[in-house]
């Protein structure tokens, strides 16, 4: 009987889990913010850098294999708590646009060791439907 090969497990995780299991989403990484003066009609502005990432989206609810969706004013949105597993951790001010719906990181990212590689699981909160 042979011992497990950690480098082989890591390569398989990278090929199978990271390359084939997941969906693309637009990550809007927070860069900076500008204050506003309401009496002059200037509103606060946040500035983001857009990047396309691949991640595995999941819903952690006992007994459900698929996410439940609900109807909102702009279309269908996730009805349960949504989680994203990806290669890098998101900051709390980052936004994510997935399937036309905007989410933000809603808590601290949790590291997960899958096949010898550290992935990050991030809870997401609904921001609104972007269209």
C-alpha atoms as a PDB file:
ATOM      1  CA  UNK A   1       0.000   0.000   0.000  1.00  0.00           C
ATOM      2  CA  UNK A   2       1.428   3.365  -0.973  1.00  0.00           C
ATOM      3  CA  UNK A   3       1.265   6.695   0.755  1.00  0.00           C
ATOM      4  CA  UNK A   4      -0.711   9.607  -0.703  1.00  0.00           C
ATOM      5  CA  UNK A   5       1.352  11.965  -2.837  1.00  0.00           C
ATOM      6  CA  UNK A   6       0.605  15.544  -1.669  1.00  0.00           C
ATOM      7  CA  UNK A   7       1.909  17.164  -4.862  1.00  0.00           C
ATOM      8  CA  UNK A   8      -0.318  14.920  -7.009  1.00  0.00           C
ATOM      9  CA  UNK A   9      -3.353  15.745  -4.863  1.00  0.00           C
ATOM     10  CA  UNK A  10      -2.574  19.466  -5.170  1.00  0.00           C
ATOM     11  CA  UNK A  11      -2.257  19.187  -8.976  1.00  0.00           C
ATOM     12  CA  UNK A  12      -5.547  17.303  -9.215  1.00  0.00           C
ATOM     13  CA  UNK A  13      -7.266  19.882  -7.041  1.00  0.00           C
ATOM     14  CA  UNK A  14      -5.954  22.644  -9.272  1.00  0.00           C
ATOM     15  CA  UNK A  15      -7.007  20.865 -12.472  1.00  0.00           C
ATOM     16  CA  UNK A  16     -10.382  19.542 -11.380  1.00  0.00           C
ATOM     17  CA  UNK A  17     -11.661  21.745  -8.573  1.00  0.00           C
ATOM     18  CA  UNK A  18     -10.278  25.107  -9.632  1.00  0.00           C
ATOM     19  CA  UNK A  19     -10.354  24.833 -13.423  1.00  0.00           C
ATOM     20  CA  UNK A  20     -13.610  22.979 -14.024  1.00  0.00           C
ATOM     21  CA  UNK A  21     -15.833  23.516 -10.999  1.00  0.00           C
ATOM     22  CA  UNK A  22     -16.937  27.087 -10.768  1.00  0.00           C
ATOM     23  CA  UNK A  23     -18.439  30.030 -12.527  1.00  0.00           C
ATOM     24  CA  UNK A  24     -17.056  33.353 -13.595  1.00  0.00           C
ATOM     25  CA  UNK A  25     -18.104  36.540 -11.868  1.00  0.00           C
ATOM     26  CA  UNK A  26     -17.047  40.172 -11.987  1.00  0.00           C
ATOM     27  CA  UNK A  27     -15.089  41.124  -8.875  1.00  0.00           C
ATOM     28  CA  UNK A  28     -15.136  44.840  -8.142  1.00  0.00           C
ATOM     29  CA  UNK A  29     -12.195  45.358  -5.774  1.00  0.00           C
ATOM     30  CA  UNK A  30     -12.513  48.456  -3.606  1.00  0.00           C
ATOM     31  CA  UNK A  31      -9.783  51.011  -4.334  1.00  0.00           C
ATOM     32  CA  UNK A  32     -10.775  54.283  -2.672  1.00  0.00           C
ATOM     33  CA  UNK A  33     -13.648  56.553  -1.762  1.00  0.00           C
ATOM     34  CA  UNK A  34     -14.414  60.238  -2.067  1.00  0.00           C
ATOM     35  CA  UNK A  35     -16.575  62.208   0.329  1.00  0.00           C
ATOM     36  CA  UNK A  36     -19.481  64.316  -0.797  1.00  0.00           C
ATOM     37  CA  UNK A  37     -21.203  67.564   0.097  1.00  0.00           C
ATOM     38  CA  UNK A  38     -24.958  67.054   0.068  1.00  0.00           C
ATOM     39  CA  UNK A  39     -25.838  70.763  -0.090  1.00  0.00           C
ATOM     40  CA  UNK A  40     -23.953  71.061  -3.403  1.00  0.00           C
ATOM     41  CA  UNK A  41     -25.399  67.870  -4.852  1.00  0.00           C
ATOM     42  CA  UNK A  42     -22.122  65.967  -4.710  1.00  0.00           C
ATOM     43  CA  UNK A  43     -22.597  62.430  -3.416  1.00  0.00           C
ATOM     44  CA  UNK A  44     -20.121  60.032  -1.887  1.00  0.00           C
ATOM     45  CA  UNK A  45     -18.388  57.850  -4.481  1.00  0.00           C
ATOM     46  CA  UNK A  46     -16.636  54.524  -4.158  1.00  0.00           C
ATOM     47  CA  UNK A  47     -14.075  53.515  -6.756  1.00  0.00           C
ATOM     48  CA  UNK A  48     -13.503  49.914  -7.802  1.00  0.00           C
ATOM     49  CA  UNK A  49     -11.173  47.944 -10.055  1.00  0.00           C
ATOM     50  CA  UNK A  50     -13.074  45.295 -12.077  1.00  0.00           C
ATOM     51  CA  UNK A  51     -11.592  41.806 -12.536  1.00  0.00           C
ATOM     52  CA  UNK A  52     -13.138  38.574 -13.804  1.00  0.00           C
ATOM     53  CA  UNK A  53     -12.628  35.686 -11.356  1.00  0.00           C
ATOM     54  CA  UNK A  54     -13.677  32.048 -11.198  1.00  0.00           C
ATOM     55  CA  UNK A  55     -15.196  30.656  -8.037  1.00  0.00           C
ATOM     56  CA  UNK A  56     -17.514  27.969  -6.734  1.00  0.00           C
ATOM     57  CA  UNK A  57     -20.821  29.342  -5.455  1.00  0.00           C
ATOM     58  CA  UNK A  58     -22.754  27.355  -2.867  1.00  0.00           C
ATOM     59  CA  UNK A  59     -25.594  27.548  -0.394  1.00  0.00           C
ATOM     60  CA  UNK A  60     -25.056  25.976   3.000  1.00  0.00           C
ATOM     61  CA  UNK A  61     -28.415  24.726   4.112  1.00  0.00           C
ATOM     62  CA  UNK A  62     -29.133  21.209   5.324  1.00  0.00           C
ATOM     63  CA  UNK A  63     -30.885  19.015   2.793  1.00  0.00           C
ATOM     64  CA  UNK A  64     -30.584  21.335  -0.199  1.00  0.00           C
ATOM     65  CA  UNK A  65     -28.284  20.484  -3.057  1.00  0.00           C
ATOM     66  CA  UNK A  66     -29.248  23.512  -5.124  1.00  0.00           C
ATOM     67  CA  UNK A  67     -29.755  27.149  -4.265  1.00  0.00           C
ATOM     68  CA  UNK A  68     -33.284  28.414  -3.919  1.00  0.00           C
ATOM     69  CA  UNK A  69     -34.112  31.590  -5.828  1.00  0.00           C
ATOM     70  CA  UNK A  70     -36.787  34.172  -5.170  1.00  0.00           C
ATOM     71  CA  UNK A  71     -38.349  36.813  -7.366  1.00  0.00           C
ATOM     72  CA  UNK A  72     -37.183  40.390  -6.815  1.00  0.00           C
ATOM     73  CA  UNK A  73     -38.046  43.585  -8.665  1.00  0.00           C
ATOM     74  CA  UNK A  74     -35.221  43.108 -11.176  1.00  0.00           C
ATOM     75  CA  UNK A  75     -35.403  39.324 -11.588  1.00  0.00           C
ATOM     76  CA  UNK A  76     -34.446  36.165  -9.724  1.00  0.00           C
ATOM     77  CA  UNK A  77     -32.004  36.451  -6.803  1.00  0.00           C
ATOM     78  CA  UNK A  78     -30.596  33.930  -4.345  1.00  0.00           C
ATOM     79  CA  UNK A  79     -33.005  33.312  -1.490  1.00  0.00           C
ATOM     80  CA  UNK A  80     -30.525  31.791   0.957  1.00  0.00           C
ATOM     81  CA  UNK A  81     -27.081  32.676   2.288  1.00  0.00           C
ATOM     82  CA  UNK A  82     -24.639  32.461  -0.602  1.00  0.00           C
ATOM     83  CA  UNK A  83     -20.970  31.489  -0.244  1.00  0.00           C
ATOM     84  CA  UNK A  84     -18.099  31.869  -2.687  1.00  0.00           C
ATOM     85  CA  UNK A  85     -15.006  29.649  -2.652  1.00  0.00           C
ATOM     86  CA  UNK A  86     -12.101  31.099  -4.582  1.00  0.00           C
ATOM     87  CA  UNK A  87      -8.300  31.361  -4.682  1.00  0.00           C
ATOM     88  CA  UNK A  88      -8.016  34.741  -2.965  1.00  0.00           C
ATOM     89  CA  UNK A  89      -9.812  36.318  -0.042  1.00  0.00           C
ATOM     90  CA  UNK A  90     -12.156  39.248  -0.632  1.00  0.00           C
ATOM     91  CA  UNK A  91     -12.071  42.343   1.533  1.00  0.00           C
ATOM     92  CA  UNK A  92     -15.296  43.454   3.256  1.00  0.00           C
ATOM     93  CA  UNK A  93     -15.719  46.408   0.860  1.00  0.00           C
ATOM     94  CA  UNK A  94     -15.369  44.364  -2.327  1.00  0.00           C
ATOM     95  CA  UNK A  95     -18.386  43.755  -4.542  1.00  0.00           C
ATOM     96  CA  UNK A  96     -19.143  40.796  -6.766  1.00  0.00           C
ATOM     97  CA  UNK A  97     -21.526  40.713  -9.740  1.00  0.00           C
ATOM     98  CA  UNK A  98     -22.716  37.177 -10.474  1.00  0.00           C
ATOM     99  CA  UNK A  99     -25.531  36.371 -12.920  1.00  0.00           C
ATOM    100  CA  UNK A 100     -26.561  40.026 -13.019  1.00  0.00           C
ATOM    101  CA  UNK A 101     -26.884  40.396  -9.249  1.00  0.00           C
ATOM    102  CA  UNK A 102     -24.513  42.380  -7.046  1.00  0.00           C
ATOM    103  CA  UNK A 103     -23.221  40.957  -3.769  1.00  0.00           C
ATOM    104  CA  UNK A 104     -20.709  42.149  -1.192  1.00  0.00           C
ATOM    105  CA  UNK A 105     -18.493  40.181   1.155  1.00  0.00           C
ATOM    106  CA  UNK A 106     -20.472  39.731   4.372  1.00  0.00           C
ATOM    107  CA  UNK A 107     -17.969  38.525   6.904  1.00  0.00           C
ATOM    108  CA  UNK A 108     -14.449  37.303   7.279  1.00  0.00           C
ATOM    109  CA  UNK A 109     -13.116  34.841   4.694  1.00  0.00           C
ATOM    110  CA  UNK A 110     -12.507  31.336   6.039  1.00  0.00           C
ATOM    111  CA  UNK A 111      -9.453  29.418   4.790  1.00  0.00           C
ATOM    112  CA  UNK A 112     -10.064  25.882   3.514  1.00  0.00           C
ATOM    113  CA  UNK A 113      -7.392  23.346   2.654  1.00  0.00           C
ATOM    114  CA  UNK A 114      -8.468  21.417  -0.441  1.00  0.00           C
ATOM    115  CA  UNK A 115      -5.891  19.112  -1.970  1.00  0.00           C
ATOM    116  CA  UNK A 116      -2.990  20.845  -0.273  1.00  0.00           C
ATOM    117  CA  UNK A 117      -4.048  24.247  -1.593  1.00  0.00           C
ATOM    118  CA  UNK A 118      -5.591  27.005   0.497  1.00  0.00           C
ATOM    119  CA  UNK A 119      -8.904  28.282  -0.844  1.00  0.00           C
ATOM    120  CA  UNK A 120     -11.056  30.961   0.755  1.00  0.00           C
ATOM    121  CA  UNK A 121     -14.768  30.687   1.504  1.00  0.00           C
ATOM    122  CA  UNK A 122     -16.498  34.055   1.741  1.00  0.00           C
ATOM    123  CA  UNK A 123     -20.129  34.669   2.782  1.00  0.00           C
ATOM    124  CA  UNK A 124     -21.954  37.043   0.420  1.00  0.00           C
ATOM    125  CA  UNK A 125     -24.804  39.469   1.077  1.00  0.00           C
ATOM    126  CA  UNK A 126     -27.198  40.732  -1.581  1.00  0.00           C
ATOM    127  CA  UNK A 127     -26.649  44.334  -2.732  1.00  0.00           C
ATOM    128  CA  UNK A 128     -29.234  44.557  -5.499  1.00  0.00           C
ATOM    129  CA  UNK A 129     -30.073  43.592  -9.036  1.00  0.00           C
ATOM    130  CA  UNK A 130     -27.818  45.300 -11.580  1.00  0.00           C
ATOM    131  CA  UNK A 131     -29.714  44.408 -14.733  1.00  0.00           C
END
